[in-house]
């Protein structure tokens, strides 16, 4: 597993769409702390609440999900699986760091409670189960979708999908014309716990 050495975020397109990620194996364990730091830094730079390794060009099954807002706390998981979904399915307004600009999103059907099983980046040898409700459950479903090459726009009707992707293409054209190397900039530093 090679972790990028500078800020990198892949955008919606053929490099990520319908591209599944490989499991994290024992050979990857020594790089997990570096990957966790890198992904956390990208979340701080971009202002996200979750991130999947494929979004930074690492096609391994690893995610970060915000499980608490204040103080801000993230759960790092490798090889995560949703093992149970309960409650009702309802609309959740979602956007994605890989489909800018900020605020570009739509309602997506998601389950309100999920049980996610996986190892943490701190302890890659032990599998844990976490019952997540509300926003953390939605983030987990969204990020695990990324590991399978699926975006939130793949779960909505053609009209919503077209609207989101049209806004993204307009934003992308303006950004590319600006000649700027990376579209996000750090606005603040913050203390974040990662488990």
Protein backbone atom coordinates (compact mmCIF):
# COMPACT_ATOMS: atom_id res chain seq x y z
CA UNK A 1 0.00 0.00 0.00
CA UNK A 2 1.44 3.36 -1.04
CA UNK A 3 0.16 6.43 0.81
CA UNK A 4 0.37 9.74 -1.11
CA UNK A 5 2.89 12.28 0.17
CA UNK A 6 0.88 15.41 -0.69
CA UNK A 7 -2.82 16.36 -0.59
CA UNK A 8 -4.72 14.34 -3.17
CA UNK A 9 -8.43 13.80 -3.59
CA UNK A 10 -9.87 11.93 -6.54
CA UNK A 11 -13.01 13.28 -8.15
CA UNK A 12 -15.98 11.41 -9.57
CA UNK A 13 -14.97 9.66 -12.77
CA UNK A 14 -13.75 6.40 -14.30
CA UNK A 15 -10.81 6.11 -11.91
CA UNK A 16 -13.26 5.54 -9.03
CA UNK A 17 -16.66 4.58 -10.45
CA UNK A 18 -17.42 0.86 -10.27
CA UNK A 19 -13.88 0.17 -9.02
CA UNK A 20 -13.80 -2.09 -5.96
CA UNK A 21 -11.07 -1.86 -3.33
CA UNK A 22 -8.83 -4.69 -2.19
CA UNK A 23 -8.89 -5.96 1.41
CA UNK A 24 -6.27 -4.62 3.81
CA UNK A 25 -3.86 -7.48 4.51
CA UNK A 26 -1.10 -8.14 7.02
CA UNK A 27 1.38 -6.72 4.48
CA UNK A 28 -0.38 -3.34 4.79
CA UNK A 29 -0.41 -3.09 8.60
CA UNK A 30 2.82 -1.13 8.98
CA UNK A 31 1.42 1.64 6.74
CA UNK A 32 -1.95 1.93 8.54
CA UNK A 33 -0.85 4.70 10.97
CA UNK A 34 0.43 6.74 8.03
CA UNK A 35 -2.81 6.14 6.10
CA UNK A 36 -4.92 7.13 9.11
CA UNK A 37 -2.96 10.40 9.56
CA UNK A 38 -3.12 11.16 5.85
CA UNK A 39 -6.88 10.56 5.62
CA UNK A 40 -7.51 12.59 8.79
CA UNK A 41 -5.49 15.46 7.35
CA UNK A 42 -7.59 15.32 4.17
CA UNK A 43 -10.79 15.44 6.23
CA UNK A 44 -9.48 18.54 8.03
CA UNK A 45 -8.46 20.20 4.77
CA UNK A 46 -11.72 19.41 3.00
CA UNK A 47 -14.10 19.76 5.94
CA UNK A 48 -15.64 16.30 5.65
CA UNK A 49 -17.35 13.95 8.08
CA UNK A 50 -16.04 10.77 6.48
CA UNK A 51 -13.58 9.52 3.92
CA UNK A 52 -12.78 6.27 2.13
CA UNK A 53 -9.24 5.34 1.13
CA UNK A 54 -10.11 5.14 -2.61
CA UNK A 55 -10.96 8.85 -2.50
CA UNK A 56 -7.27 9.57 -1.84
CA UNK A 57 -6.08 7.06 -4.42
CA UNK A 58 -5.47 4.14 -2.05
CA UNK A 59 -7.70 1.34 -3.30
CA UNK A 60 -7.80 -0.57 -0.03
CA UNK A 61 -10.82 -1.22 2.20
CA UNK A 62 -10.28 1.51 4.80
CA UNK A 63 -12.62 4.29 5.97
CA UNK A 64 -12.91 7.07 8.54
CA UNK A 65 -16.34 8.01 9.88
CA UNK A 66 -17.26 10.78 12.27
CA UNK A 67 -19.05 9.21 15.23
CA UNK A 68 -19.21 12.26 17.48
CA UNK A 69 -19.50 15.94 16.59
CA UNK A 70 -18.26 17.63 19.79
CA UNK A 71 -15.58 16.88 20.64
CA UNK A 72 -14.98 15.66 17.12
CA UNK A 73 -14.24 11.92 17.09
CA UNK A 74 -13.66 9.54 14.20
CA UNK A 75 -13.71 5.78 13.91
CA UNK A 76 -11.10 4.24 11.61
CA UNK A 77 -12.07 0.89 10.11
CA UNK A 78 -10.36 -1.56 7.80
CA UNK A 79 -12.20 -4.27 5.90
CA UNK A 80 -15.56 -2.99 7.20
CA UNK A 81 -18.80 -4.80 6.51
CA UNK A 82 -22.36 -3.86 7.29
CA UNK A 83 -23.62 -6.98 9.05
CA UNK A 84 -27.09 -5.75 10.02
CA UNK A 85 -29.48 -2.95 9.08
CA UNK A 86 -32.48 -2.09 11.21
CA UNK A 87 -35.02 0.66 11.69
CA UNK A 88 -36.62 2.35 8.77
CA UNK A 89 -35.19 3.53 5.50
CA UNK A 90 -35.50 7.24 5.00
CA UNK A 91 -34.12 10.09 2.94
CA UNK A 92 -30.76 11.49 3.98
CA UNK A 93 -29.34 14.62 2.35
CA UNK A 94 -25.85 13.66 1.16
CA UNK A 95 -22.97 15.24 -0.66
CA UNK A 96 -19.48 13.94 -1.29
CA UNK A 97 -15.99 15.43 -1.14
CA UNK A 98 -15.32 13.72 -4.48
CA UNK A 99 -18.32 15.48 -6.11
CA UNK A 100 -17.81 19.18 -5.28
CA UNK A 101 -18.77 21.92 -4.75
CA UNK A 102 -19.79 22.03 -1.10
CA UNK A 103 -23.56 21.77 -0.80
CA UNK A 104 -23.93 19.79 -4.03
CA UNK A 105 -26.10 16.87 -3.01
CA UNK A 106 -29.54 15.32 -2.80
CA UNK A 107 -31.69 13.01 -0.68
CA UNK A 108 -30.51 9.39 -0.67
CA UNK A 109 -32.41 6.44 0.86
CA UNK A 110 -30.45 5.08 3.85
CA UNK A 111 -31.20 2.85 6.82
CA UNK A 112 -31.27 4.62 10.19
CA UNK A 113 -29.32 1.97 12.15
CA UNK A 114 -26.49 -0.30 10.98
CA UNK A 115 -24.07 -2.68 12.62
CA UNK A 116 -20.60 -2.36 11.10
CA UNK A 117 -17.97 -5.01 11.73
CA UNK A 118 -14.28 -4.47 11.03
CA UNK A 119 -10.83 -3.96 12.47
CA UNK A 120 -9.53 -0.55 13.47
CA UNK A 121 -6.40 0.96 12.00
CA UNK A 122 -4.93 0.90 15.53
CA UNK A 123 -5.74 -2.80 16.04
CA UNK A 124 -5.80 -4.55 12.65
CA UNK A 125 -5.86 -8.04 14.18
CA UNK A 126 -9.12 -7.81 16.13
CA UNK A 127 -12.60 -7.46 14.62
CA UNK A 128 -15.07 -5.24 16.43
CA UNK A 129 -18.77 -4.56 15.90
CA UNK A 130 -20.25 -1.08 16.20
CA UNK A 131 -23.94 -0.23 16.21
CA UNK A 132 -24.31 3.16 14.56
CA UNK A 133 -27.45 5.28 14.44
CA UNK A 134 -28.41 8.50 12.73
CA UNK A 135 -25.64 10.46 11.02
CA UNK A 136 -22.80 7.98 11.84
CA UNK A 137 -24.91 5.17 10.28
CA UNK A 138 -25.46 7.23 7.14
CA UNK A 139 -21.75 8.10 6.91
CA UNK A 140 -20.80 4.42 7.30
CA UNK A 141 -23.15 3.40 4.47
CA UNK A 142 -21.81 6.20 2.24
CA UNK A 143 -18.12 5.38 2.87
CA UNK A 144 -18.56 1.61 2.51
CA UNK A 145 -20.26 2.30 -0.83
CA UNK A 146 -17.02 3.99 -1.95
CA UNK A 147 -15.10 0.78 -1.22
CA UNK A 148 -17.33 -0.92 -3.79
CA UNK A 149 -16.99 1.85 -6.38
CA UNK A 150 -20.48 3.20 -5.68
CA UNK A 151 -21.37 6.88 -5.24
CA UNK A 152 -24.47 8.35 -3.61
CA UNK A 153 -25.67 9.44 -7.07
CA UNK A 154 -25.86 5.75 -8.01
CA UNK A 155 -28.65 5.33 -5.43
CA UNK A 156 -31.01 8.06 -6.68
CA UNK A 157 -33.24 8.65 -9.70
CA UNK A 158 -31.90 9.93 -13.01
CA UNK A 159 -33.11 13.51 -12.44
CA UNK A 160 -31.35 13.94 -9.11
CA UNK A 161 -28.23 12.27 -10.48
CA UNK A 162 -28.18 14.56 -13.52
CA UNK A 163 -28.59 17.71 -11.36
CA UNK A 164 -25.74 16.78 -9.00
CA UNK A 165 -23.36 15.77 -11.79
CA UNK A 166 -24.18 18.88 -13.83
CA UNK A 167 -23.25 21.13 -10.88
CA UNK A 168 -20.07 19.10 -10.42
CA UNK A 169 -19.07 19.44 -14.10
CA UNK A 170 -19.66 23.20 -13.97
CA UNK A 171 -17.54 23.50 -10.81
CA UNK A 172 -14.82 21.27 -12.29
CA UNK A 173 -14.61 23.43 -15.43
CA UNK A 174 -14.16 26.61 -13.38
CA UNK A 175 -11.57 24.96 -11.09
CA UNK A 176 -9.55 23.54 -14.00
CA UNK A 177 -9.59 26.93 -15.76
CA UNK A 178 -8.22 28.58 -12.61
CA UNK A 179 -4.99 26.56 -12.84
CA UNK A 180 -4.95 25.93 -9.10
CA UNK A 181 -3.25 22.66 -8.14
CA UNK A 182 -5.62 21.54 -5.37
CA UNK A 183 -9.17 22.80 -4.88
CA UNK A 184 -9.31 22.72 -1.09
CA UNK A 185 -7.41 24.75 1.48
CA UNK A 186 -7.07 24.31 5.22
CA UNK A 187 -9.24 26.81 7.08
CA UNK A 188 -8.61 25.73 10.65
CA UNK A 189 -6.78 23.25 12.79
CA UNK A 190 -8.66 21.15 15.26
CA UNK A 191 -8.09 18.42 17.76
CA UNK A 192 -9.65 15.18 16.58
CA UNK A 193 -9.70 11.78 18.25
CA UNK A 194 -9.31 8.76 15.97
CA UNK A 195 -10.03 5.26 17.24
